[in-house]
Protein backbone atom coordinates (compact mmCIF):
# COMPACT_ATOMS: atom_id res chain seq x y z
CA GLN A 1 -79.57 -19.30 99.11
CA VAL A 2 -76.97 -21.16 101.52
CA GLN A 3 -76.70 -20.20 105.29
CA ILE A 4 -74.22 -21.54 107.82
CA VAL A 5 -75.02 -20.98 111.34
CA GLU A 6 -72.79 -21.52 114.48
CA SER A 7 -74.11 -21.87 117.90
CA GLY A 8 -72.92 -23.06 121.37
CA GLY A 9 -70.02 -20.76 122.04
CA ALA A 10 -70.10 -19.50 125.70
CA LEU A 11 -67.86 -18.65 128.54
CA VAL A 12 -66.54 -21.78 130.32
CA GLN A 13 -64.08 -22.46 133.12
CA PRO A 14 -60.88 -24.26 132.35
CA GLY A 15 -61.46 -28.02 132.23
CA GLY A 16 -65.16 -27.74 131.14
CA SER A 17 -66.87 -28.79 128.12
CA LEU A 18 -68.83 -27.21 125.26
CA ARG A 19 -70.66 -28.43 122.14
CA LEU A 20 -70.56 -26.40 119.18
CA SER A 21 -73.29 -26.96 116.41
CA CYS A 22 -72.99 -26.07 112.69
CA ALA A 23 -76.39 -26.17 111.05
CA ALA A 24 -76.91 -25.43 107.43
CA SER A 25 -79.62 -24.56 104.97
CA GLY A 26 -79.50 -24.68 101.18
CA ILE A 27 -76.81 -27.46 101.15
CA ILE A 28 -76.46 -30.91 102.58
CA LEU A 29 -73.62 -31.08 104.76
CA SER A 30 -72.95 -34.70 104.32
CA ARG A 31 -71.92 -33.97 100.77
CA TYR A 32 -69.31 -31.58 101.77
CA VAL A 33 -65.96 -31.50 103.80
CA VAL A 34 -67.17 -29.68 106.90
CA GLY A 35 -64.55 -28.13 109.15
CA TRP A 36 -64.48 -26.24 112.39
CA TYR A 37 -61.99 -23.47 112.41
CA ARG A 38 -60.97 -20.96 115.04
CA GLN A 39 -59.25 -17.58 115.32
CA ALA A 40 -58.06 -15.92 118.26
CA PRO A 41 -57.20 -12.11 118.48
CA GLY A 42 -54.10 -11.21 116.64
CA LYS A 43 -53.74 -14.86 115.25
CA GLU A 44 -54.51 -16.48 111.91
CA ARG A 45 -57.49 -18.76 111.43
CA GLU A 46 -56.55 -22.29 112.12
CA MET A 47 -58.25 -25.68 111.29
CA VAL A 48 -59.47 -27.56 114.32
CA ALA A 49 -61.23 -30.64 113.03
CA SER A 50 -62.91 -31.51 109.78
CA ILE A 51 -64.98 -34.60 108.49
CA THR A 52 -65.47 -35.75 105.06
CA SER A 53 -68.51 -37.08 103.38
CA GLY A 54 -67.07 -40.53 103.85
CA ASP A 55 -66.63 -39.70 107.60
CA PHE A 56 -62.93 -39.45 107.73
CA ARG A 57 -61.98 -37.06 110.52
CA ASN A 58 -59.04 -34.98 110.89
CA TYR A 59 -57.79 -33.02 114.13
CA ALA A 60 -55.24 -30.47 114.60
CA ASP A 61 -52.71 -31.50 117.16
CA SER A 62 -53.92 -29.11 119.71
CA ALA A 63 -57.57 -30.97 119.33
CA LYS A 64 -56.50 -34.46 119.39
CA GLY A 65 -57.65 -36.40 122.43
CA ARG A 66 -59.98 -33.45 123.72
CA PHE A 67 -62.35 -32.70 120.62
CA THR A 68 -64.67 -34.75 118.78
CA ILE A 69 -66.16 -33.66 115.44
CA SER A 70 -69.50 -35.63 114.49
CA ARG A 71 -72.36 -35.04 111.91
CA ASP A 72 -76.19 -35.72 112.12
CA ASP A 73 -77.41 -36.23 108.77
CA ALA A 74 -81.12 -36.30 109.64
CA ARG A 75 -80.64 -32.75 111.13
CA ASN A 76 -78.15 -31.52 108.56
CA ARG A 77 -75.85 -30.42 111.36
CA VAL A 78 -72.17 -31.01 112.28
CA PHE A 79 -71.03 -30.81 116.02
CA LEU A 80 -67.64 -30.18 117.72
CA GLN A 81 -67.56 -31.57 121.23
CA MET A 82 -64.87 -29.76 123.30
CA ASN A 83 -63.64 -31.36 126.48
CA SER A 84 -60.86 -30.36 128.93
CA LEU A 85 -61.01 -26.77 127.57
CA LYS A 86 -58.08 -24.71 128.11
CA PRO A 87 -57.61 -20.88 128.19
CA ASP A 88 -55.62 -21.35 124.84
CA ASP A 89 -59.02 -22.57 123.17
CA THR A 90 -60.42 -19.08 123.60
CA ALA A 91 -61.25 -17.91 119.96
CA ALA A 92 -64.23 -17.37 117.49
CA TYR A 93 -65.00 -20.84 115.89
CA TYR A 94 -66.13 -20.99 112.54
CA CYS A 95 -67.93 -23.79 110.47
CA ASN A 96 -66.73 -24.19 106.79
CA ALA A 97 -68.27 -26.45 104.14
CA VAL A 98 -66.51 -27.12 100.95
CA ARG A 99 -66.56 -29.30 98.02
CA MET A 100 -65.48 -29.78 94.56
CA ASN A 101 -67.95 -31.08 92.06
CA TYR A 102 -67.25 -31.37 88.47
CA GLY A 103 -64.56 -28.83 88.70
CA VAL A 104 -66.70 -26.19 90.45
CA SER A 105 -65.46 -25.35 93.95
CA SER A 106 -68.30 -24.27 96.69
CA ASN A 107 -67.02 -22.86 99.89
CA TYR A 108 -69.24 -21.49 102.55
CA TRP A 109 -68.54 -20.04 105.85
CA GLY A 110 -70.54 -19.19 109.04
CA GLN A 111 -70.34 -16.00 111.10
CA GLY A 112 -68.79 -17.77 113.98
CA THR A 113 -69.51 -18.30 117.62
CA GLN A 114 -67.41 -17.03 120.50
CA VAL A 115 -65.71 -19.69 123.01
CA THR A 116 -63.97 -18.07 126.10
CA VAL A 117 -62.21 -20.23 128.40
CA SER A 118 -61.39 -18.33 131.54
CA SER A 119 -61.76 -18.57 135.32
């Protein structure tokens, strides 16, 4: 059974930093495209950052220069380092792992972790 678990969300002041962690069981994250998404109340879910099996990284414009996605293959985890946080970064953050293998799509989501940026 596949399980994706996010952690690291918290209440932080503007300008602060957080590191989110995405841990997986039942799949090997390095074989997937792993993305961090976020959803604020009343808004659609949006992609924040992603990393491919080949270590290609992609960032939303709002995340460029502030957020860094990385992967620890030995621990089967993907991280999102978030610096210079702003109130607009307040949202539930979700980890997603997806891949297409021999025409079969596998797509897994975690339950999310809440990030609140407020003074």
